[in-house]
Protein backbone atom coordinates (compact mmCIF):
# COMPACT_ATOMS: atom_id res chain seq x y z
CA MET A 1 24.29 -20.13 2.41
CA SER A 2 26.15 -19.55 -0.85
CA ILE A 3 23.19 -20.77 -2.95
CA THR A 4 20.83 -18.53 -0.99
CA LEU A 5 23.08 -15.54 -1.60
CA VAL A 6 23.23 -16.30 -5.33
CA ILE A 7 19.42 -16.42 -5.54
CA VAL A 8 19.08 -13.11 -3.70
CA ALA A 9 21.75 -11.55 -5.91
CA LEU A 10 19.94 -12.73 -9.06
CA TYR A 11 16.71 -11.27 -7.74
CA PHE A 12 18.40 -7.91 -7.19
CA CYS A 13 19.86 -8.05 -10.70
CA VAL A 14 16.38 -8.49 -12.19
CA LEU A 15 15.15 -5.40 -10.35
CA LEU A 16 18.12 -3.38 -11.52
CA ALA A 17 17.46 -4.52 -15.09
CA PHE A 18 13.86 -3.26 -14.82
CA GLY A 19 15.18 0.12 -13.75
CA LEU A 20 17.71 0.35 -16.56
CA PHE A 21 15.19 -0.68 -19.22
CA ALA A 22 12.48 1.67 -17.93
CA SER A 23 14.93 4.58 -17.83
CA ARG A 24 15.08 4.46 -21.64
CA LYS A 25 11.37 5.38 -21.75
CA LEU A 26 11.47 8.15 -19.14
CA ASP A 27 11.09 11.44 -21.01
CA SER A 28 8.62 13.48 -18.95
CA VAL A 29 6.98 14.13 -15.61
CA SER A 30 4.04 11.98 -16.70
CA ASP A 31 6.45 9.10 -17.38
CA PHE A 32 8.13 9.46 -13.96
CA TYR A 33 4.89 9.52 -11.95
CA VAL A 34 2.30 7.48 -13.94
CA ALA A 35 4.25 5.68 -16.71
CA GLY A 36 2.70 7.96 -19.35
CA LYS A 37 -0.75 6.46 -18.56
CA LYS A 38 0.01 3.36 -20.62
CA LEU A 39 -0.28 0.46 -18.15
CA GLY A 40 -2.23 -2.67 -19.06
CA TYR A 41 -4.59 -4.33 -16.59
CA TRP A 42 -2.22 -7.16 -15.61
CA VAL A 43 0.54 -4.75 -14.67
CA SER A 44 -1.88 -2.34 -13.01
CA ALA A 45 -3.59 -5.08 -10.97
CA PHE A 46 -0.38 -6.77 -9.83
CA SER A 47 1.25 -3.43 -9.08
CA SER A 48 -1.76 -2.31 -7.06
CA ARG A 49 -1.88 -5.50 -5.02
CA ALA A 50 1.88 -5.83 -4.52
CA THR A 51 1.93 -2.20 -3.35
CA GLY A 52 -1.05 -2.70 -1.05
CA GLU A 53 0.33 -5.81 0.62
CA SER A 54 3.96 -4.96 1.53
CA GLY A 55 6.01 -6.57 4.31
CA TRP A 56 2.74 -6.48 6.22
CA LEU A 57 1.63 -9.52 4.21
CA LEU A 58 4.66 -11.82 4.49
CA LEU A 59 5.68 -10.91 8.03
CA GLY A 60 2.76 -9.06 9.63
CA LEU A 61 -0.23 -11.10 8.44
CA THR A 62 1.53 -14.45 8.82
CA GLY A 63 2.43 -13.36 12.35
CA MET A 64 -1.20 -12.46 12.94
CA GLY A 65 -2.29 -15.90 11.72
CA TRP A 66 0.16 -17.38 14.23
CA ALA A 67 -1.21 -15.21 17.05
CA VAL A 68 -5.00 -15.25 16.54
CA GLY A 69 -5.73 -18.13 14.12
CA VAL A 70 -8.92 -18.08 12.04
CA ASN A 71 -9.90 -14.71 13.52
CA ALA A 72 -7.38 -13.23 11.05
CA PHE A 73 -9.61 -14.22 8.11
CA TRP A 74 -11.74 -11.15 8.89
CA VAL A 75 -8.81 -9.15 7.51
CA LEU A 76 -9.10 -11.08 4.23
CA LEU A 77 -12.86 -10.47 4.11
CA GLY A 78 -12.32 -6.72 4.52
CA GLN A 79 -9.65 -6.72 1.83
CA VAL A 80 -11.84 -8.50 -0.72
CA ALA A 81 -14.83 -6.27 0.01
CA GLY A 82 -12.79 -3.07 -0.19
CA GLU A 83 -10.95 -4.04 -3.36
CA THR A 84 -14.11 -5.17 -5.14
CA MET A 85 -15.91 -1.92 -4.42
CA SER A 86 -12.83 0.10 -5.32
CA TRP A 87 -12.13 -1.54 -8.69
CA ILE A 88 -15.75 -2.07 -9.77
CA TYR A 89 -17.53 1.05 -8.53
CA VAL A 90 -15.03 3.83 -7.75
CA ALA A 91 -12.14 3.26 -10.15
CA ARG A 92 -14.04 3.75 -13.41
CA PRO A 93 -15.63 7.16 -12.68
CA PHE A 94 -12.38 8.20 -10.98
CA LYS A 95 -10.38 7.22 -14.06
CA ARG A 96 -12.83 9.07 -16.28
CA LEU A 97 -12.49 12.25 -14.23
CA THR A 98 -8.70 12.13 -13.98
CA ASP A 99 -8.45 11.73 -17.74
CA ARG A 100 -10.82 14.64 -18.23
CA TYR A 101 -8.71 16.85 -15.96
CA HIS A 102 -5.38 15.51 -17.29
CA SER A 103 -4.43 14.60 -13.72
CA ILE A 104 -1.10 12.96 -12.89
CA THR A 105 -1.59 12.74 -9.11
CA VAL A 106 -4.57 12.48 -6.75
CA PRO A 107 -4.05 16.09 -5.56
CA ASP A 108 -4.15 17.13 -9.25
CA TYR A 109 -7.57 15.55 -9.47
CA LEU A 110 -8.85 17.09 -6.23
CA GLU A 111 -7.70 20.58 -7.18
CA SER A 112 -9.41 20.35 -10.57
CA ARG A 113 -12.56 18.73 -9.22
CA PHE A 114 -13.12 21.62 -6.78
CA ASN A 115 -11.55 24.45 -8.79
CA ASP A 116 -9.18 24.99 -5.86
CA ARG A 117 -7.25 28.09 -6.97
CA ARG A 118 -5.61 28.57 -3.56
CA HIS A 119 -4.18 25.04 -3.58
CA THR A 120 -5.71 24.25 -0.18
CA LEU A 121 -6.23 20.57 -0.93
CA ARG A 122 -2.70 20.19 -2.32
CA TRP A 123 -1.21 21.49 0.93
CA ILE A 124 -3.38 19.24 3.09
CA ALA A 125 -2.61 16.23 0.90
CA SER A 126 1.13 16.87 1.04
CA VAL A 127 1.17 17.09 4.84
CA VAL A 128 -0.79 13.85 5.18
CA ILE A 129 1.30 11.98 2.62
CA LEU A 130 4.68 13.05 3.94
CA THR A 131 3.93 12.25 7.58
CA MET A 132 2.21 8.93 6.97
CA VAL A 133 4.47 7.72 4.16
CA THR A 134 7.50 8.15 6.40
CA SER A 135 5.96 5.77 8.95
CA TYR A 136 4.80 3.40 6.21
CA LEU A 137 8.19 3.34 4.52
CA ALA A 138 9.98 2.89 7.85
CA ALA A 139 7.83 -0.21 8.44
CA GLN A 140 8.95 -1.66 5.10
CA LEU A 141 12.60 -1.08 5.99
CA THR A 142 11.96 -2.73 9.35
CA ALA A 143 10.62 -5.74 7.48
CA THR A 144 13.68 -5.77 5.22
CA GLY A 145 16.03 -5.74 8.20
CA LYS A 146 14.12 -8.57 9.87
CA ALA A 147 14.15 -10.65 6.69
CA PHE A 148 17.91 -10.33 6.19
CA ARG A 149 18.52 -11.05 9.87
CA GLU A 150 16.38 -14.19 9.91
CA PHE A 151 17.46 -15.59 6.54
CA LEU A 152 21.09 -14.55 6.20
CA ASP A 153 22.18 -13.63 9.72
CA LEU A 154 22.92 -10.09 8.59
CA ASP A 155 22.84 -7.21 11.05
CA PHE A 156 19.36 -5.55 11.08
CA SER A 157 20.72 -2.14 10.09
CA THR A 158 22.81 -3.56 7.25
CA GLY A 159 19.85 -5.50 5.85
CA ALA A 160 17.53 -2.51 5.95
CA ALA A 161 20.11 -0.28 4.24
CA LEU A 162 20.88 -2.88 1.56
CA GLY A 163 17.23 -3.34 0.64
CA LEU A 164 16.71 0.41 0.48
CA THR A 165 19.73 0.85 -1.81
CA ILE A 166 18.27 -1.54 -4.39
CA VAL A 167 14.86 0.14 -4.28
CA LEU A 168 16.43 3.55 -4.67
CA PHE A 169 18.38 2.54 -7.74
CA TYR A 170 15.55 1.29 -9.92
CA THR A 171 13.06 3.87 -8.62
CA ILE A 172 15.34 6.85 -9.26
CA ILE A 173 16.44 5.86 -12.74
CA GLY A 174 13.20 4.24 -13.98
CA GLY A 175 10.40 6.09 -12.18
CA PHE A 176 6.86 4.72 -12.01
CA ARG A 177 7.28 2.46 -15.04
CA ALA A 178 10.16 0.61 -13.37
CA VAL A 179 8.10 0.41 -10.19
CA ALA A 180 5.09 -1.07 -12.01
CA TRP A 181 7.11 -3.62 -13.98
CA SER A 182 9.04 -4.71 -10.90
CA ASP A 183 5.74 -4.97 -9.00
CA LEU A 184 4.41 -7.40 -11.61
CA PHE A 185 7.50 -9.57 -11.25
CA GLN A 186 7.46 -9.34 -7.47
CA GLY A 187 3.73 -10.02 -7.31
CA ILE A 188 4.21 -13.27 -9.22
CA MET A 189 6.90 -14.23 -6.71
CA MET A 190 4.56 -13.47 -3.81
CA VAL A 191 1.83 -15.69 -5.27
CA PHE A 192 4.35 -18.52 -5.70
CA GLY A 193 5.68 -18.20 -2.16
CA LEU A 194 2.28 -17.96 -0.50
CA ILE A 195 1.06 -21.10 -2.23
CA LEU A 196 4.20 -23.14 -1.61
CA VAL A 197 5.02 -22.27 2.02
CA PRO A 198 1.55 -22.80 3.57
CA THR A 199 1.07 -26.03 1.60
CA VAL A 200 4.34 -27.55 2.83
CA ALA A 201 3.81 -26.20 6.36
CA ILE A 202 0.30 -27.69 6.61
CA VAL A 203 1.59 -31.07 5.39
CA ASN A 204 4.31 -30.99 8.05
CA ALA A 205 1.73 -30.03 10.68
CA GLY A 206 -0.23 -33.23 9.96
CA GLY A 207 -2.51 -31.99 7.23
CA ILE A 208 -5.60 -29.82 7.72
CA ASP A 209 -7.14 -32.20 10.28
CA GLY A 210 -3.91 -32.57 12.21
CA MET A 211 -3.33 -28.81 12.24
CA ILE A 212 -6.87 -28.13 13.50
CA GLN A 213 -6.59 -30.73 16.27
CA GLN A 214 -3.28 -29.38 17.52
CA LEU A 215 -4.46 -25.75 17.39
CA SER A 216 -7.58 -26.70 19.34
CA ALA A 217 -5.48 -28.44 21.96
CA ALA A 218 -3.14 -25.44 22.27
CA ASP A 219 -5.87 -22.77 22.41
CA PRO A 220 -9.53 -23.33 21.33
CA GLY A 221 -9.80 -19.58 20.66
CA LEU A 222 -7.50 -19.98 17.64
CA LEU A 223 -10.32 -21.78 15.80
CA LYS A 224 -13.16 -19.42 16.72
CA ALA A 225 -14.32 -16.85 14.17
CA MET A 226 -14.82 -14.25 16.92
CA GLY A 227 -11.54 -15.14 18.61
CA GLY A 228 -11.01 -15.79 22.29
CA ASP A 229 -13.38 -12.96 23.29
CA GLY A 230 -16.32 -14.60 21.49
CA LEU A 231 -19.52 -12.71 20.71
CA THR A 232 -18.84 -9.92 23.18
CA THR A 233 -18.37 -6.18 22.73
CA ALA A 234 -14.60 -6.66 22.71
CA GLY A 235 -14.87 -9.47 20.15
CA ILE A 236 -17.14 -7.46 17.85
CA LEU A 237 -14.88 -4.39 18.02
CA THR A 238 -11.89 -6.60 17.20
CA VAL A 239 -13.64 -7.97 14.12
CA ILE A 240 -14.63 -4.47 12.99
CA GLY A 241 -11.03 -3.42 13.44
CA PHE A 242 -9.82 -6.36 11.33
CA ILE A 243 -12.33 -5.69 8.54
CA GLY A 244 -11.74 -1.92 8.56
CA PRO A 245 -8.32 -1.79 6.82
CA GLY A 246 -9.83 -3.29 3.68
CA PHE A 247 -11.87 -0.17 3.03
CA GLY A 248 -8.67 1.82 2.76
CA TYR A 249 -8.56 0.53 -0.82
CA LEU A 250 -11.37 2.97 -1.66
CA GLY A 251 -9.04 5.92 -2.04
CA SER A 252 -5.45 5.46 -0.89
CA PRO A 253 -3.39 7.58 -3.32
CA GLN A 254 -0.55 5.07 -3.74
CA LEU A 255 -3.13 2.60 -5.09
CA TYR A 256 -5.24 5.07 -7.05
CA ALA A 257 -2.13 6.14 -8.93
CA ARG A 258 -2.52 2.77 -10.71
CA PHE A 259 -5.98 3.74 -11.88
CA ILE A 260 -4.63 7.02 -13.22
CA ALA A 261 -1.81 5.14 -14.98
CA VAL A 262 -3.93 2.44 -16.65
CA SER A 263 -4.36 3.09 -20.37
CA HIS A 264 -8.18 2.88 -20.51
CA GLU A 265 -11.06 2.49 -18.07
CA ARG A 266 -12.31 -0.65 -19.84
CA LYS A 267 -9.25 -2.45 -18.48
CA LEU A 268 -10.37 -1.94 -14.89
CA ILE A 269 -12.94 -4.77 -14.86
CA PRO A 270 -10.50 -7.56 -15.83
CA GLY A 271 -8.02 -5.84 -13.53
CA ALA A 272 -10.50 -6.22 -10.68
CA VAL A 273 -10.69 -9.98 -11.23
CA VAL A 274 -6.91 -10.31 -11.17
CA ALA A 275 -6.56 -8.10 -8.09
CA VAL A 276 -9.19 -9.91 -6.02
CA LEU A 277 -7.88 -13.37 -6.92
CA PHE A 278 -4.38 -12.20 -6.03
CA THR A 279 -5.59 -11.13 -2.59
CA ILE A 280 -7.51 -14.31 -1.86
CA VAL A 281 -4.50 -16.47 -2.71
CA THR A 282 -1.82 -14.39 -1.00
CA SER A 283 -3.60 -13.21 2.15
CA GLY A 284 -5.31 -16.57 2.64
CA GLY A 285 -1.97 -18.31 2.20
CA ALA A 286 -0.28 -15.97 4.68
CA ILE A 287 -2.87 -16.67 7.40
CA LEU A 288 -2.72 -20.44 6.84
CA ALA A 289 1.09 -20.36 6.93
CA GLY A 290 0.91 -18.57 10.28
CA MET A 291 -1.57 -21.10 11.68
CA ALA A 292 0.57 -24.04 10.57
CA GLY A 293 3.60 -22.26 11.99
CA ARG A 294 1.84 -22.05 15.38
CA VAL A 295 1.69 -25.85 15.39
CA LEU A 296 5.27 -26.37 14.25
CA TYR A 297 6.91 -23.56 16.24
CA PRO A 298 4.65 -22.58 19.18
CA GLY A 299 7.33 -20.89 21.27
CA ILE A 300 8.93 -18.27 19.00
CA ALA A 301 9.75 -14.91 20.58
CA ASP A 302 8.76 -12.75 17.59
CA GLN A 303 5.61 -13.90 15.77
CA GLU A 304 6.55 -11.87 12.69
CA THR A 305 9.54 -14.14 12.03
CA ILE A 306 7.35 -17.20 11.42
CA PHE A 307 7.45 -16.97 7.61
CA PRO A 308 11.27 -16.71 7.44
CA LEU A 309 11.51 -19.53 10.00
CA LEU A 310 9.21 -21.82 7.99
CA SER A 311 11.10 -21.04 4.79
CA HIS A 312 14.47 -21.74 6.40
CA GLU A 313 13.47 -24.93 8.20
CA LEU A 314 11.22 -26.58 5.61
CA PHE A 315 13.21 -25.96 2.42
CA GLY A 316 16.73 -26.44 1.16
CA PRO A 317 19.11 -23.58 0.32
CA LEU A 318 17.68 -23.07 -3.18
CA LEU A 319 14.05 -22.65 -2.15
CA SER A 320 15.09 -20.81 0.98
CA GLY A 321 16.83 -18.28 -1.27
CA LEU A 322 13.65 -17.95 -3.30
CA MET A 323 11.63 -17.38 -0.14
CA ILE A 324 13.81 -14.52 1.06
CA ALA A 325 13.37 -13.03 -2.40
CA VAL A 326 9.59 -13.39 -1.93
CA VAL A 327 9.75 -11.52 1.39
CA LEU A 328 11.90 -8.80 -0.14
CA ALA A 329 9.51 -8.62 -3.11
CA ALA A 330 6.62 -7.87 -0.78
CA VAL A 331 8.61 -5.16 0.96
CA MET A 332 10.18 -3.50 -2.07
CA SER A 333 7.00 -3.48 -4.14
CA THR A 334 5.51 -1.18 -1.52
CA ALA A 335 8.61 0.84 -0.66
CA ASP A 336 9.13 1.94 -4.27
CA SER A 337 5.52 3.10 -4.64
CA LEU A 338 5.64 4.99 -1.36
CA LEU A 339 8.75 6.83 -2.49
CA ILE A 340 7.08 7.87 -5.76
CA LEU A 341 4.00 9.02 -3.83
CA ALA A 342 5.99 11.06 -1.29
CA VAL A 343 8.14 12.69 -3.94
CA SER A 344 5.17 13.58 -6.12
CA SER A 345 3.48 15.27 -3.15
CA VAL A 346 6.40 17.69 -2.84
CA VAL A 347 7.96 18.13 -6.27
CA ARG A 348 4.91 17.75 -8.47
CA ASP A 349 2.11 18.96 -6.18
CA ILE A 350 3.90 21.79 -4.36
CA TYR A 351 7.04 22.86 -6.23
CA GLN A 352 5.79 22.55 -9.83
CA ARG A 353 2.07 23.19 -9.45
CA ILE A 354 2.28 26.09 -6.96
CA PHE A 355 5.69 27.77 -7.03
CA ARG A 356 7.25 26.92 -10.39
CA PRO A 357 4.62 26.06 -13.01
CA ASP A 358 7.18 27.05 -15.65
CA ALA A 359 9.77 24.50 -14.46
CA THR A 360 11.08 22.30 -17.25
CA GLN A 361 10.31 18.58 -17.40
CA ARG A 362 14.01 17.79 -16.98
CA ARG A 363 14.30 19.92 -13.85
CA VAL A 364 11.21 18.40 -12.22
CA VAL A 365 12.45 14.86 -12.86
CA MET A 366 15.91 15.75 -11.52
CA LEU A 367 14.46 17.24 -8.32
CA SER A 368 12.23 14.18 -7.96
CA ARG A 369 15.28 11.93 -7.99
CA ILE A 370 17.13 14.05 -5.43
CA LEU A 371 14.15 14.17 -3.07
CA THR A 372 13.71 10.40 -3.39
CA LEU A 373 17.16 10.00 -1.83
CA ILE A 374 16.38 12.45 0.98
CA ILE A 375 13.03 10.92 1.95
CA ALA A 376 14.46 7.40 1.83
CA ALA A 377 17.35 8.36 4.10
CA PHE A 378 14.99 9.93 6.62
CA ALA A 379 12.72 6.85 6.66
CA LEU A 380 15.76 4.63 7.23
CA VAL A 381 16.72 6.68 10.28
CA VAL A 382 13.17 6.33 11.65
CA ALA A 383 13.26 2.56 11.09
CA LEU A 384 16.60 2.21 12.89
CA LEU A 385 15.55 4.34 15.85
CA GLU A 386 12.42 2.39 16.73
CA VAL A 387 11.76 -1.14 15.52
CA ARG A 388 8.05 -1.68 16.04
CA VAL A 389 5.71 -4.56 15.23
CA ILE A 390 5.27 -4.28 11.45
CA PHE A 391 1.60 -5.24 11.42
CA TRP A 392 0.51 -2.34 13.64
CA PHE A 393 3.08 0.10 12.27
CA VAL A 394 1.66 -0.34 8.76
CA LEU A 395 -1.94 -0.17 9.97
CA PHE A 396 -1.28 3.19 11.67
CA ALA A 397 0.10 4.73 8.48
CA TRP A 398 -2.63 3.07 6.39
CA ALA A 399 -5.27 4.56 8.69
CA GLY A 400 -3.89 8.09 8.44
CA ILE A 401 -3.73 8.03 4.64
CA SER A 402 -7.06 6.25 4.16
CA SER A 403 -8.99 8.44 6.61
CA ALA A 404 -7.79 11.56 4.80
CA PHE A 405 -8.31 10.41 1.20
CA CYS A 406 -10.95 7.66 0.97
CA PRO A 407 -14.00 9.69 2.06
CA VAL A 408 -13.12 12.71 -0.09
CA ILE A 409 -12.47 10.59 -3.18
CA VAL A 410 -15.68 8.58 -2.79
CA LEU A 411 -17.76 11.71 -2.15
CA SER A 412 -16.10 13.64 -4.97
CA VAL A 413 -16.89 10.87 -7.45
CA PHE A 414 -20.50 10.16 -6.42
CA TRP A 415 -21.82 13.35 -4.78
CA ARG A 416 -21.78 16.47 -6.91
CA ARG A 417 -22.90 18.59 -3.92
CA LEU A 418 -19.51 18.20 -2.19
CA THR A 419 -17.80 21.60 -1.95
CA LEU A 420 -14.18 22.65 -1.61
CA ARG A 421 -14.65 23.45 2.08
CA GLY A 422 -16.39 20.13 2.58
CA ALA A 423 -13.52 18.28 0.91
CA ALA A 424 -10.93 20.11 3.05
CA ALA A 425 -12.92 19.40 6.21
CA ALA A 426 -13.19 15.71 5.37
CA MET A 427 -9.43 15.38 4.82
CA VAL A 428 -8.43 17.27 7.97
CA VAL A 429 -10.99 15.64 10.26
CA GLY A 430 -10.24 12.16 8.94
CA PHE A 431 -6.49 12.53 9.34
CA LEU A 432 -6.56 14.12 12.80
CA THR A 433 -9.13 11.62 14.07
CA ALA A 434 -7.00 8.67 12.97
CA VAL A 435 -3.84 10.07 14.57
CA ILE A 436 -5.46 11.13 17.87
CA TRP A 437 -7.53 7.96 18.18
CA SER A 438 -4.47 5.75 17.66
CA ARG A 439 -2.78 7.49 20.60
CA THR A 440 -5.79 7.34 22.92
CA LEU A 441 -8.34 4.65 22.03
CA GLY A 442 -6.40 2.55 19.54
CA ASP A 443 -6.60 -0.52 21.79
CA VAL A 444 -10.40 -0.33 21.77
CA LEU A 445 -11.07 0.11 18.04
CA TYR A 446 -8.84 0.46 14.97
CA GLU A 447 -8.36 4.17 14.30
CA MET A 448 -9.32 4.03 10.64
CA VAL A 449 -12.95 3.16 11.48
CA PRO A 450 -13.74 6.39 13.37
CA GLY A 451 -11.39 8.33 11.09
CA VAL A 452 -13.27 7.41 7.92
CA ALA A 453 -16.70 7.72 9.56
CA LEU A 454 -16.10 11.21 10.94
CA ALA A 455 -14.49 12.33 7.67
CA PHE A 456 -17.65 11.39 5.77
CA VAL A 457 -19.76 13.27 8.32
CA ALA A 458 -17.53 16.35 8.17
CA GLY A 459 -17.52 16.43 4.37
CA ILE A 460 -21.30 16.11 4.11
CA VAL A 461 -22.21 18.53 6.91
CA VAL A 462 -19.78 21.29 5.86
CA SER A 463 -20.87 20.97 2.21
CA LEU A 464 -24.56 21.26 3.11
CA LEU A 465 -23.82 24.36 5.19
CA ASP A 466 -21.71 25.81 2.37
CA LYS A 467 -23.01 27.41 -0.80
CA LYS A 468 -23.59 25.15 -3.76
CA PRO A 469 -20.50 24.43 -5.86
CA ALA A 470 -20.17 25.72 -9.40
CA PRO A 471 -21.35 23.32 -12.13
CA GLN A 472 -18.72 20.81 -13.22
CA PRO A 473 -17.57 20.71 -16.84
CA GLU A 474 -19.02 18.04 -19.05
CA GLN A 475 -16.83 15.10 -20.00
CA GLY A 476 -14.23 16.15 -22.51
CA ALA A 477 -14.34 19.80 -21.48
CA PRO A 478 -11.09 21.55 -20.64
CA ALA A 479 -9.82 21.48 -17.09
CA PRO A 480 -11.38 24.16 -14.83
CA THR A 481 -8.07 25.66 -13.70
CA GLU A 482 -5.08 26.72 -15.67
CA GLU A 483 -2.78 24.70 -13.38
CA ILE A 484 -4.18 21.47 -14.71
CA LYS A 485 -3.09 22.16 -18.30
CA VAL A 486 0.14 20.25 -18.04
CA ASP A 487 2.58 20.22 -20.93
CA ILE A 488 3.21 16.50 -20.95
CA GLY A 489 6.19 15.24 -22.82
CA LYS A 490 7.71 18.57 -23.86
């Protein structure tokens, strides 16, 4: 236990060091929210993937591999497809436009793209982000509490609060740059853990052949691509629901902030290679670890504890300490980004851009730090009040954010006919559909699928019924609204 604690303590010290070092380079609002737009492709790719995976990967997806077997690989297929399209096709024109408009946040971009002088899209974006990020962040704190409880026998509440305290420290003092650097470090740890644990678990389960034989004997449905339902309506809808989350990568603002922050669009292609390989290794490893865990520990009460259980039982104190650090890395690499996103939606997108455009850089950064504390405390309360299954908790928040932002970002990049009213309709319809569907028909089909589909329809139909938008400025032209002329670095 003492060795495990030392490893965890060292891990926390590294994160704190990132925060302290990054704080020396934090001089402006641009630094706090997008690291001054100076990220390289390695940092951007690892930060994007570490943020996108979260505790959902180490606890949720491994638990899903334990529960449904090879059927979970549809999730990986959706992830790879969504990421490839995002990085290769959407990210480059999106980066070009955000640089043209001098955007720091996704709402900055949307307001400039549609010359939204009444800030309609900013208000919609802020409501969506605040409501969904609270759920998303609460899920990460739930994962933190579970990890500390399973690895170190700490009380759930204490573990969740401890993890949040560390995240708050380096996020508040170092901003987005500290978040991105820590994500790179934590992403490397995640790759290491999700190669090592499934490899050792499969060996202990009798190798690939032995694992397959024992899974088949326990439940033949665990080895069927369509799951236990087979090629039925229910089976097809389940597969669509598993693939669907991957297309959230086409516009989720916490991920697209990495595209805004990268130093040049030419770095997005090598970044795409890194990001996709990261996903194949980590998500594939998580599913295989869960499947091997089903053989080794078929009777566990909580499927989302299988990764901590494998790490504790198959490794000594040293590697067990490293594995808890891997779990915490997955959680914290998402929690920090969510905090930056939520704070930017209030301080940057509402306070500074609407009410106080004359606010000084120092004041905006100070308010950002204060609000980070407030939002984090609220999310912790939500996590402690209702401990839900992490996998589905994250997917609900992911659906709400993706349904609101993905269609409008894709349409805004590739369809010049999209109007301001069409963009607003897409965001509202997508968000409300995802929330209502999850409460009514969520057991039939994952809510993001109808949310995204109806958002696209709403955006296109309302735009066609609306008058044609004004011509967009050519590349290199000044931003179309005065709000976008940000005094960066003053």
